[in-house]
Amino acid sequence: MAQASVRTLGEELGGAPIAGLDALDAAEQQALAAAVRKARQRQQALLAQAFDAALAHLPMLLRGPVRKILLP
């Protein structure tokens, strides 16, 4: 069970699990994985808001083409 939690946490972190995660019990590892997941979702939402705010400074006719160039 703990090995699965370490693997899940490694997937959330986007790489190999960090050494020392075995010291946490399964519940703590799952809580950490959930916190990382929530932080990534919040970061993505804030980046999207910042991008939209930046586009608001461009003339409306340029926003569509700039969005297509910057977001493939």
N, C-alpha and C. Protein backbone atom coordinates (compact mmCIF):
# COMPACT_ATOMS: atom_id res chain seq x y z
N MET A 1 0.83 -1.20 0.00
CA MET A 1 0.00 0.00 0.00
C MET A 1 0.86 1.25 0.00
N ALA A 2 1.88 1.26 0.84
CA ALA A 2 2.74 2.44 0.93
C ALA A 2 3.48 2.65 -0.38
N GLN A 3 3.87 1.56 -1.04
CA GLN A 3 4.59 1.68 -2.31
C GLN A 3 3.69 2.32 -3.36
N ALA A 4 2.40 1.97 -3.37
CA ALA A 4 1.46 2.57 -4.31
C ALA A 4 1.31 4.05 -4.03
N SER A 5 1.30 4.44 -2.77
CA SER A 5 1.18 5.86 -2.41
C SER A 5 2.41 6.63 -2.86
N VAL A 6 3.58 6.03 -2.71
CA VAL A 6 4.82 6.68 -3.16
C VAL A 6 4.79 6.84 -4.66
N ARG A 7 4.32 5.83 -5.37
CA ARG A 7 4.23 5.88 -6.83
C ARG A 7 3.24 6.97 -7.26
N THR A 8 2.09 7.05 -6.59
CA THR A 8 1.10 8.08 -6.89
C THR A 8 1.67 9.46 -6.66
N LEU A 9 2.38 9.62 -5.57
CA LEU A 9 3.00 10.91 -5.26
C LEU A 9 4.05 11.25 -6.30
N GLY A 10 4.82 10.27 -6.73
CA GLY A 10 5.81 10.50 -7.78
C GLY A 10 5.16 10.96 -9.08
N GLU A 11 4.02 10.37 -9.42
CA GLU A 11 3.29 10.78 -10.62
C GLU A 11 2.79 12.22 -10.49
N GLU A 12 2.31 12.58 -9.32
CA GLU A 12 1.84 13.94 -9.09
C GLU A 12 2.98 14.95 -9.19
N LEU A 13 4.16 14.55 -8.74
CA LEU A 13 5.31 15.44 -8.78
C LEU A 13 5.95 15.48 -10.17
N GLY A 14 5.55 14.55 -11.02
CA GLY A 14 6.05 14.56 -12.38
C GLY A 14 7.43 13.94 -12.54
N GLY A 15 7.79 13.02 -11.70
CA GLY A 15 9.09 12.38 -11.81
C GLY A 15 9.23 11.26 -10.82
N ALA A 16 10.47 10.91 -10.58
CA ALA A 16 10.75 9.85 -9.61
C ALA A 16 10.41 10.35 -8.20
N PRO A 17 9.91 9.47 -7.36
CA PRO A 17 9.60 9.88 -5.98
C PRO A 17 10.85 10.39 -5.26
N ILE A 18 10.67 11.35 -4.42
CA ILE A 18 11.75 11.94 -3.66
C ILE A 18 12.17 10.98 -2.55
N ALA A 19 13.47 10.87 -2.35
CA ALA A 19 13.97 10.01 -1.28
C ALA A 19 13.43 10.51 0.06
N GLY A 20 13.06 9.61 0.91
CA GLY A 20 12.57 9.97 2.22
C GLY A 20 11.06 9.94 2.34
N LEU A 21 10.36 9.77 1.22
CA LEU A 21 8.90 9.70 1.28
C LEU A 21 8.43 8.43 1.98
N ASP A 22 9.30 7.44 2.02
CA ASP A 22 8.95 6.20 2.72
C ASP A 22 8.77 6.43 4.22
N ALA A 23 9.32 7.53 4.72
CA ALA A 23 9.19 7.83 6.15
C ALA A 23 7.75 8.23 6.51
N LEU A 24 6.99 8.69 5.51
CA LEU A 24 5.59 9.07 5.74
C LEU A 24 4.72 7.82 5.66
N ASP A 25 3.67 7.81 6.45
CA ASP A 25 2.75 6.67 6.33
C ASP A 25 1.85 6.90 5.11
N ALA A 26 1.06 5.91 4.75
CA ALA A 26 0.26 5.95 3.53
C ALA A 26 -0.72 7.12 3.54
N ALA A 27 -1.34 7.40 4.67
CA ALA A 27 -2.31 8.50 4.76
C ALA A 27 -1.62 9.84 4.52
N GLU A 28 -0.44 10.00 5.09
CA GLU A 28 0.31 11.25 4.90
C GLU A 28 0.76 11.40 3.45
N GLN A 29 1.16 10.31 2.83
CA GLN A 29 1.56 10.36 1.42
C GLN A 29 0.38 10.73 0.54
N GLN A 30 -0.78 10.16 0.83
CA GLN A 30 -1.97 10.48 0.05
C GLN A 30 -2.38 11.94 0.25
N ALA A 31 -2.26 12.43 1.48
CA ALA A 31 -2.59 13.83 1.75
C ALA A 31 -1.63 14.75 1.01
N LEU A 32 -0.36 14.40 0.98
CA LEU A 32 0.63 15.20 0.27
C LEU A 32 0.35 15.19 -1.23
N ALA A 33 0.01 14.03 -1.78
CA ALA A 33 -0.33 13.93 -3.20
C ALA A 33 -1.55 14.78 -3.53
N ALA A 34 -2.55 14.77 -2.66
CA ALA A 34 -3.74 15.59 -2.87
C ALA A 34 -3.41 17.08 -2.81
N ALA A 35 -2.53 17.46 -1.89
CA ALA A 35 -2.13 18.86 -1.77
C ALA A 35 -1.37 19.32 -3.00
N VAL A 36 -0.50 18.46 -3.52
CA VAL A 36 0.25 18.79 -4.74
C VAL A 36 -0.70 18.93 -5.92
N ARG A 37 -1.66 18.00 -6.02
CA ARG A 37 -2.65 18.06 -7.11
C ARG A 37 -3.45 19.35 -7.04
N LYS A 38 -3.90 19.72 -5.84
CA LYS A 38 -4.69 20.93 -5.66
C LYS A 38 -3.86 22.17 -6.00
N ALA A 39 -2.59 22.17 -5.60
CA ALA A 39 -1.71 23.31 -5.89
C ALA A 39 -1.49 23.46 -7.39
N ARG A 40 -1.32 22.35 -8.10
CA ARG A 40 -1.15 22.41 -9.55
C ARG A 40 -2.41 22.95 -10.24
N GLN A 41 -3.57 22.51 -9.77
CA GLN A 41 -4.82 22.99 -10.36
C GLN A 41 -4.99 24.48 -10.12
N ARG A 42 -4.65 24.92 -8.92
CA ARG A 42 -4.75 26.35 -8.59
C ARG A 42 -3.76 27.15 -9.44
N GLN A 43 -2.56 26.63 -9.62
CA GLN A 43 -1.56 27.30 -10.43
C GLN A 43 -2.03 27.43 -11.87
N GLN A 44 -2.61 26.37 -12.42
CA GLN A 44 -3.11 26.41 -13.79
C GLN A 44 -4.21 27.45 -13.93
N ALA A 45 -5.10 27.53 -12.96
CA ALA A 45 -6.18 28.51 -13.00
C ALA A 45 -5.63 29.93 -12.94
N LEU A 46 -4.66 30.16 -12.07
CA LEU A 46 -4.07 31.49 -11.96
C LEU A 46 -3.29 31.88 -13.21
N LEU A 47 -2.61 30.92 -13.83
CA LEU A 47 -1.91 31.21 -15.07
C LEU A 47 -2.88 31.56 -16.19
N ALA A 48 -4.01 30.86 -16.24
CA ALA A 48 -5.02 31.17 -17.25
C ALA A 48 -5.58 32.58 -17.03
N GLN A 49 -5.82 32.94 -15.78
CA GLN A 49 -6.31 34.29 -15.48
C GLN A 49 -5.28 35.34 -15.87
N ALA A 50 -4.02 35.09 -15.58
CA ALA A 50 -2.95 36.03 -15.91
C ALA A 50 -2.83 36.17 -17.43
N PHE A 51 -2.95 35.07 -18.14
CA PHE A 51 -2.87 35.12 -19.60
C PHE A 51 -4.01 35.95 -20.17
N ASP A 52 -5.22 35.72 -19.66
CA ASP A 52 -6.37 36.50 -20.13
C ASP A 52 -6.21 37.98 -19.80
N ALA A 53 -5.67 38.28 -18.63
CA ALA A 53 -5.44 39.67 -18.25
C ALA A 53 -4.40 40.31 -19.17
N ALA A 54 -3.39 39.56 -19.54
CA ALA A 54 -2.37 40.09 -20.45
C ALA A 54 -2.96 40.34 -21.83
N LEU A 55 -3.80 39.43 -22.30
CA LEU A 55 -4.44 39.62 -23.60
C LEU A 55 -5.36 40.83 -23.60
N ALA A 56 -5.90 41.18 -22.47
CA ALA A 56 -6.81 42.32 -22.39
C ALA A 56 -6.11 43.63 -22.72
N HIS A 57 -4.78 43.64 -22.66
CA HIS A 57 -4.02 44.84 -22.99
C HIS A 57 -3.82 45.00 -24.49
N LEU A 58 -4.14 43.98 -25.26
CA LEU A 58 -4.00 44.03 -26.71
C LEU A 58 -5.30 44.51 -27.34
N PRO A 59 -5.19 45.12 -28.51
CA PRO A 59 -6.43 45.44 -29.24
C PRO A 59 -7.22 44.17 -29.53
N MET A 60 -8.52 44.28 -29.52
CA MET A 60 -9.39 43.12 -29.65
C MET A 60 -9.11 42.32 -30.93
N LEU A 61 -8.77 42.98 -32.02
CA LEU A 61 -8.52 42.27 -33.27
C LEU A 61 -7.26 41.40 -33.20
N LEU A 62 -6.35 41.71 -32.32
CA LEU A 62 -5.11 40.94 -32.22
C LEU A 62 -5.21 39.80 -31.22
N ARG A 63 -6.19 39.81 -30.36
CA ARG A 63 -6.26 38.81 -29.29
C ARG A 63 -6.37 37.38 -29.82
N GLY A 64 -7.22 37.16 -30.79
CA GLY A 64 -7.39 35.81 -31.36
C GLY A 64 -6.11 35.27 -31.98
N PRO A 65 -5.49 36.04 -32.89
CA PRO A 65 -4.24 35.55 -33.48
C PRO A 65 -3.12 35.34 -32.45
N VAL A 66 -3.01 36.25 -31.49
CA VAL A 66 -1.97 36.10 -30.46
C VAL A 66 -2.24 34.86 -29.62
N ARG A 67 -3.49 34.62 -29.29
CA ARG A 67 -3.85 33.42 -28.52
C ARG A 67 -3.48 32.16 -29.30
N LYS A 68 -3.74 32.15 -30.61
CA LYS A 68 -3.42 30.97 -31.43
C LYS A 68 -1.91 30.75 -31.52
N ILE A 69 -1.16 31.83 -31.56
CA ILE A 69 0.30 31.72 -31.64
C ILE A 69 0.87 31.21 -30.32
N LEU A 70 0.41 31.76 -29.21
CA LEU A 70 0.98 31.43 -27.91
C LEU A 70 0.45 30.13 -27.32
N LEU A 71 -0.75 29.75 -27.68
CA LEU A 71 -1.34 28.50 -27.16
C LEU A 71 -1.55 27.54 -28.33
N PRO A 72 -0.59 26.64 -28.55
CA PRO A 72 -0.71 25.72 -29.71
C PRO A 72 -1.85 24.75 -29.56
